[in-house]
Protein backbone atom coordinates (compact mmCIF):
# COMPACT_ATOMS: atom_id res chain seq x y z
CA MET A 1 29.07 -38.57 -3.51
CA THR A 2 26.75 -36.83 -0.84
CA ASP A 3 23.22 -36.24 -1.49
CA PRO A 4 22.55 -32.53 -2.15
CA LEU A 5 19.29 -32.71 -0.15
CA THR A 6 20.91 -33.95 3.03
CA ASP A 7 24.31 -32.31 2.79
CA ASP A 8 24.51 -29.45 5.48
CA ARG A 9 26.89 -27.56 3.09
CA THR A 10 24.28 -27.23 0.42
CA SER A 11 21.30 -26.72 2.77
CA THR A 12 19.56 -23.30 2.76
CA SER A 13 19.01 -21.48 5.91
CA PRO A 14 15.39 -20.96 7.09
CA LEU A 15 15.87 -17.14 6.73
CA LEU A 16 17.05 -17.50 3.04
CA ALA A 17 14.52 -20.02 2.26
CA ALA A 18 11.84 -17.60 3.61
CA ILE A 19 13.16 -14.61 1.51
CA ALA A 20 13.40 -17.08 -1.62
CA GLY A 21 9.81 -18.21 -1.20
CA ALA A 22 8.47 -14.82 -0.65
CA TRP A 23 10.39 -13.57 -3.70
CA THR A 24 9.15 -16.30 -5.69
CA VAL A 25 5.54 -15.62 -4.85
CA ALA A 26 5.98 -11.85 -5.61
CA GLY A 27 7.26 -12.60 -8.90
CA PHE A 28 4.44 -15.00 -9.47
CA GLN A 29 1.75 -12.40 -8.36
CA LEU A 30 3.29 -9.77 -10.43
CA ARG A 31 3.16 -11.97 -13.55
CA ARG A 32 -0.51 -12.73 -12.70
CA LEU A 33 -1.30 -8.90 -12.81
CA LEU A 34 0.21 -8.57 -16.23
CA THR A 35 -3.16 -9.46 -18.05
CA ARG A 36 -5.09 -7.20 -20.15
CA PRO A 37 -7.95 -6.57 -17.72
CA ARG A 38 -5.38 -5.65 -14.93
CA LEU A 39 -3.25 -3.52 -17.16
CA ALA A 40 -6.46 -1.69 -18.45
CA MET A 41 -7.31 -1.08 -14.85
CA ALA A 42 -3.96 0.25 -14.00
CA ALA A 43 -4.11 2.49 -17.17
CA VAL A 44 -7.29 3.91 -15.91
CA GLY A 45 -5.87 4.55 -12.34
CA ALA A 46 -2.65 6.15 -13.81
CA LEU A 47 -4.82 8.51 -16.09
CA PHE A 48 -7.33 9.40 -13.49
CA PRO A 49 -5.40 12.07 -11.51
CA ALA A 50 -4.39 13.88 -14.72
CA ALA A 51 -7.92 13.89 -15.90
CA VAL A 52 -9.27 15.35 -12.70
CA ILE A 53 -6.57 17.96 -12.70
CA VAL A 54 -7.45 19.00 -16.24
CA ALA A 55 -11.23 19.11 -15.45
CA ALA A 56 -10.64 21.13 -12.30
CA ASP A 57 -8.44 23.60 -14.17
CA ARG A 58 -11.17 24.07 -16.79
CA ALA A 59 -13.87 24.43 -14.15
CA SER A 60 -11.74 27.19 -12.49
CA ARG A 61 -10.88 28.95 -15.85
CA GLY A 62 -7.34 28.47 -15.57
CA ARG A 63 -6.84 29.60 -11.88
CA LEU A 64 -5.84 26.16 -10.43
CA GLU A 65 -2.19 26.54 -9.70
CA GLY A 66 0.20 26.42 -6.69
CA ASP A 67 -0.63 24.90 -3.29
CA PRO A 68 -4.27 24.03 -4.11
CA THR A 69 -2.99 21.92 -7.00
CA VAL A 70 -0.35 20.15 -4.78
CA GLY A 71 -3.18 19.50 -2.26
CA MET A 72 -5.27 17.94 -5.08
CA LEU A 73 -2.36 15.90 -6.32
CA TYR A 74 -1.78 14.62 -2.78
CA ALA A 75 -5.38 13.55 -2.47
CA LEU A 76 -5.52 11.81 -5.81
CA ILE A 77 -2.31 9.98 -5.90
CA PRO A 78 -0.81 8.94 -2.41
CA GLU A 79 -4.37 8.65 -0.96
CA ALA A 80 -6.85 7.60 -3.87
CA VAL A 81 -4.75 5.81 -6.36
CA CYS A 82 -2.56 4.00 -3.70
CA MET A 83 -5.58 2.97 -1.75
CA LEU A 84 -7.58 1.60 -4.56
CA GLY A 85 -4.55 -0.19 -6.06
CA LEU A 86 -3.82 -1.96 -2.84
CA LEU A 87 -7.28 -2.95 -2.19
CA VAL A 88 -7.37 -4.80 -5.52
CA THR A 89 -3.89 -6.41 -5.09
CA MET A 90 -3.57 -7.06 -1.36
CA CYS A 91 -7.11 -8.03 -0.29
CA PRO A 92 -7.24 -11.32 -2.43
CA ALA A 93 -4.10 -12.68 -0.89
CA VAL A 94 -5.82 -15.86 0.48
CA ALA A 95 -9.19 -15.73 -1.22
CA ASP A 96 -7.70 -16.42 -4.55
CA GLU A 97 -5.94 -19.60 -3.22
CA LEU A 98 -9.18 -20.84 -1.65
CA GLU A 99 -11.12 -20.29 -4.84
CA ARG A 100 -8.58 -22.06 -7.04
CA GLY A 101 -8.15 -24.88 -4.59
CA THR A 102 -4.46 -24.30 -4.11
CA TRP A 103 -4.62 -23.49 -0.57
CA VAL A 104 -4.09 -27.03 0.67
CA HIS A 105 -0.75 -27.23 -1.22
CA LEU A 106 0.43 -24.05 0.26
CA ALA A 107 -0.61 -24.86 3.70
CA VAL A 108 1.41 -28.15 3.96
CA ARG A 109 4.56 -26.66 2.52
CA PRO A 110 7.16 -25.40 5.31
CA GLY A 111 6.70 -21.59 5.44
CA GLY A 112 4.08 -21.72 2.49
CA ARG A 113 1.59 -19.47 4.29
CA ARG A 114 4.22 -16.82 5.27
CA ALA A 115 5.74 -16.89 1.67
CA LEU A 116 2.24 -16.30 0.25
CA LEU A 117 1.46 -13.35 2.47
CA ILE A 118 4.88 -11.64 2.32
CA GLY A 119 5.13 -12.25 -1.30
CA THR A 120 1.70 -10.86 -2.11
CA TYR A 121 2.56 -7.96 -0.13
CA LEU A 122 5.73 -7.10 -1.87
CA ALA A 123 3.78 -7.63 -5.19
CA ALA A 124 1.10 -5.22 -4.10
CA VAL A 125 3.55 -2.68 -3.07
CA VAL A 126 5.57 -2.91 -6.25
CA TRP A 127 2.58 -3.04 -8.51
CA THR A 128 0.64 -0.08 -6.83
CA SER A 129 3.60 2.04 -6.55
CA VAL A 130 4.52 1.71 -10.26
CA VAL A 131 1.00 2.75 -11.12
CA ALA A 132 1.04 5.72 -8.73
CA LEU A 133 4.44 6.88 -9.93
CA VAL A 134 3.14 6.70 -13.62
CA ALA A 135 0.01 8.88 -12.44
CA THR A 136 2.41 11.28 -10.77
CA VAL A 137 4.29 11.93 -13.84
CA LEU A 138 1.06 12.20 -16.10
CA ALA A 139 -0.52 14.68 -13.54
CA LEU A 140 2.52 16.80 -13.21
CA ALA A 141 2.69 17.07 -17.00
CA VAL A 142 -0.64 18.84 -16.98
CA ALA A 143 -0.52 20.44 -13.45
CA ARG A 144 0.79 23.89 -12.88
CA VAL A 145 3.10 24.04 -9.93
CA GLU A 146 6.19 26.05 -9.28
CA ASP A 147 8.72 23.21 -9.19
CA PRO A 148 7.45 20.01 -10.77
CA TRP A 149 10.63 18.09 -10.00
CA ALA A 150 10.50 18.92 -6.30
CA VAL A 151 6.80 18.16 -6.16
CA GLY A 152 7.36 14.87 -7.98
CA ARG A 153 10.08 13.75 -5.72
CA MET A 154 7.81 14.62 -2.78
CA LEU A 155 4.85 12.68 -4.18
CA ALA A 156 7.10 9.81 -5.02
CA ALA A 157 8.26 9.45 -1.45
CA LEU A 158 4.56 9.77 -0.12
CA VAL A 159 3.52 7.03 -2.64
CA LEU A 160 6.03 4.69 -1.22
CA VAL A 161 5.09 5.42 2.30
CA SER A 162 1.39 4.93 1.63
CA CYS A 163 1.94 1.71 -0.08
CA VAL A 164 4.23 0.22 2.53
CA GLY A 165 1.98 1.11 5.33
CA ARG A 166 -1.41 0.39 3.99
CA ALA A 167 -0.62 -2.76 2.19
CA ALA A 168 0.30 -4.27 5.67
CA LEU A 169 -2.89 -2.73 7.01
CA PHE A 170 -4.86 -4.60 4.42
CA ALA A 171 -3.07 -7.76 5.09
CA VAL A 172 -4.89 -8.29 8.44
CA PRO A 173 -8.47 -8.36 6.97
CA ALA A 174 -7.03 -10.44 4.16
CA VAL A 175 -6.19 -13.23 6.48
CA ILE A 176 -9.08 -12.88 9.10
CA MET A 177 -12.02 -12.92 6.62
CA PRO A 178 -10.54 -13.69 3.09
CA LYS A 179 -13.91 -13.98 1.35
CA ARG A 180 -14.94 -10.53 2.44
CA ALA A 181 -11.48 -8.97 2.68
CA LEU A 182 -12.41 -6.21 0.12
CA VAL A 183 -15.35 -5.18 2.18
CA ALA A 184 -13.58 -5.41 5.40
CA SER A 185 -10.67 -3.56 4.11
CA VAL A 186 -12.82 -0.70 2.82
CA GLY A 187 -14.37 -0.48 6.24
CA VAL A 188 -10.83 -0.48 7.87
CA ALA A 189 -9.80 2.35 5.58
CA LEU A 190 -12.82 4.50 6.24
CA VAL A 191 -12.87 3.90 10.02
CA VAL A 192 -9.16 3.80 10.87
CA GLU A 193 -7.45 5.81 8.10
CA TYR A 194 -10.08 8.61 7.47
CA LEU A 195 -12.08 8.70 10.67
CA ALA A 196 -9.59 7.93 13.56
CA GLY A 197 -6.78 9.53 11.37
CA PHE A 198 -8.54 12.93 11.60
CA ILE A 199 -9.16 12.64 15.34
CA PRO A 200 -6.72 14.70 17.24
CA ALA A 201 -6.02 12.10 20.06
CA ILE A 202 -3.82 9.04 20.64
CA VAL A 203 -5.65 6.88 18.36
CA ASN A 204 -4.57 8.67 15.20
CA GLN A 205 -0.90 7.97 15.99
CA ALA A 206 -1.35 4.49 14.64
CA THR A 207 -2.60 5.78 11.20
CA VAL A 208 -0.73 6.00 7.99
CA SER A 209 -2.89 9.03 7.10
CA LEU A 210 -1.44 10.99 9.99
CA ARG A 211 2.09 10.21 8.94
CA LEU A 212 1.58 11.17 5.30
CA ARG A 213 0.06 14.64 6.34
CA SER A 214 2.82 15.21 8.71
CA LEU A 215 5.27 14.58 5.90
CA LEU A 216 3.37 16.68 3.34
CA VAL A 217 3.18 19.68 5.42
CA PRO A 218 6.81 20.43 6.33
CA TRP A 219 8.10 19.26 2.89
CA MET A 220 5.80 21.88 1.46
CA GLY A 221 6.60 24.54 3.77
CA TRP A 222 3.00 24.74 4.93
CA ASP A 223 3.87 24.47 8.63
CA ARG A 224 4.80 28.09 8.72
CA LYS A 225 1.30 29.18 7.47
CA LEU A 226 -0.90 26.48 8.77
CA PRO A 227 -3.88 27.66 10.94
CA ILE A 228 -3.53 26.82 14.60
CA GLU A 229 -6.64 24.53 14.53
CA MET A 230 -5.21 22.62 11.55
CA GLN A 231 -1.98 21.86 13.29
CA LEU A 232 -3.78 19.33 15.57
CA LEU A 233 -4.08 17.13 12.45
CA ILE A 234 -0.52 16.67 12.01
CA ASP A 235 2.60 15.35 14.17
CA PRO A 236 5.10 17.96 14.65
CA GLN A 237 7.94 15.47 14.95
CA PRO A 238 10.72 15.43 12.08
CA PRO A 239 10.22 13.41 9.00
CA TRP A 240 12.55 10.73 10.11
CA VAL A 241 10.23 9.93 13.01
CA GLN A 242 7.17 9.73 10.59
CA LEU A 243 9.04 7.28 8.31
CA LEU A 244 10.18 5.28 11.34
CA ALA A 245 6.67 5.14 12.74
CA VAL A 246 5.30 3.80 9.40
CA GLY A 247 7.88 1.17 9.25
CA ILE A 248 7.21 0.04 12.74
CA LEU A 249 3.42 -0.04 12.10
CA ALA A 250 3.94 -2.17 8.90
CA VAL A 251 6.23 -4.63 10.82
CA VAL A 252 3.66 -4.93 13.58
CA LEU A 253 0.69 -5.33 11.32
CA LEU A 254 2.53 -7.85 8.96
CA THR A 255 3.81 -9.82 11.97
CA ALA A 256 0.00 -9.99 13.40
CA ALA A 257 -1.16 -11.11 10.00
CA VAL A 258 1.49 -13.77 9.52
CA VAL A 259 0.67 -15.15 13.16
CA ILE A 260 -3.08 -15.21 12.41
CA LEU A 261 -2.45 -17.03 9.07
CA ASP A 262 -0.14 -19.53 10.56
CA ARG A 263 -2.82 -20.54 13.21
CA ARG A 264 -5.86 -20.22 11.00
CA GLN A 265 -7.65 -23.16 9.61
CA PHE A 266 -10.03 -22.84 6.93
CA PRO A 267 -13.06 -25.42 6.61
CA PRO A 268 -13.18 -27.63 3.58
CA SER A 269 -16.13 -25.56 2.30
CA ASP A 270 -13.88 -22.49 1.94
CA GLU A 271 -11.38 -24.44 -0.16
CA ILE A 272 -13.81 -25.25 -2.95
């Protein structure tokens, strides 16, 4: 009989092994998130947009409806909820392993570092997307919009785009400065996404916020009534270009993060 560990017919290709490793890490990270504190935090995040909509509607004495409501939903869910969820789930990718003392075991395994990063990325995207989609359903239940189903589908698409792009963005500070990844990611979000993203120049082309706005405006039909000065804040290219741009940006950022993590050596003091 042949040894299954040495038989070429039973060996797994490197690609399949990498996919299996990332999938295993993603499942482990998702199970780690199923704790009472994390579930309570997710519940607060899911209820927050609906609570804000109700409070704003009462403050406006029932006059909050239509496009202003959709604008608030966009700011609250694809922007705020997704951003906060990804900060909590993606930033500790390496820091948690250093604190638990398990980084050494991951670092010496073939493909262990890559599996950790990609698996945590997948878990962050799935977890944050689910929370944001629940928030969308709850917010639309109390919001007054003309076509809740159409608005819900649009917000769901924006949620997925936001999570895919920004999780990859936060992966870079997570591997460069793991102990301060949360602070660094907040700085990246403020400077890159919300400062550079609103500068009408070539620099905003590499931001997720530009792509989200450029999808929201045509999907809502706002491009026909948008003031000329506000048109500088969106990209006039069709939606498929925006989606392709986010996909390319995510691949580039994740590749950079993987390369950095593969070459990064943490001192023993960081592994305590």
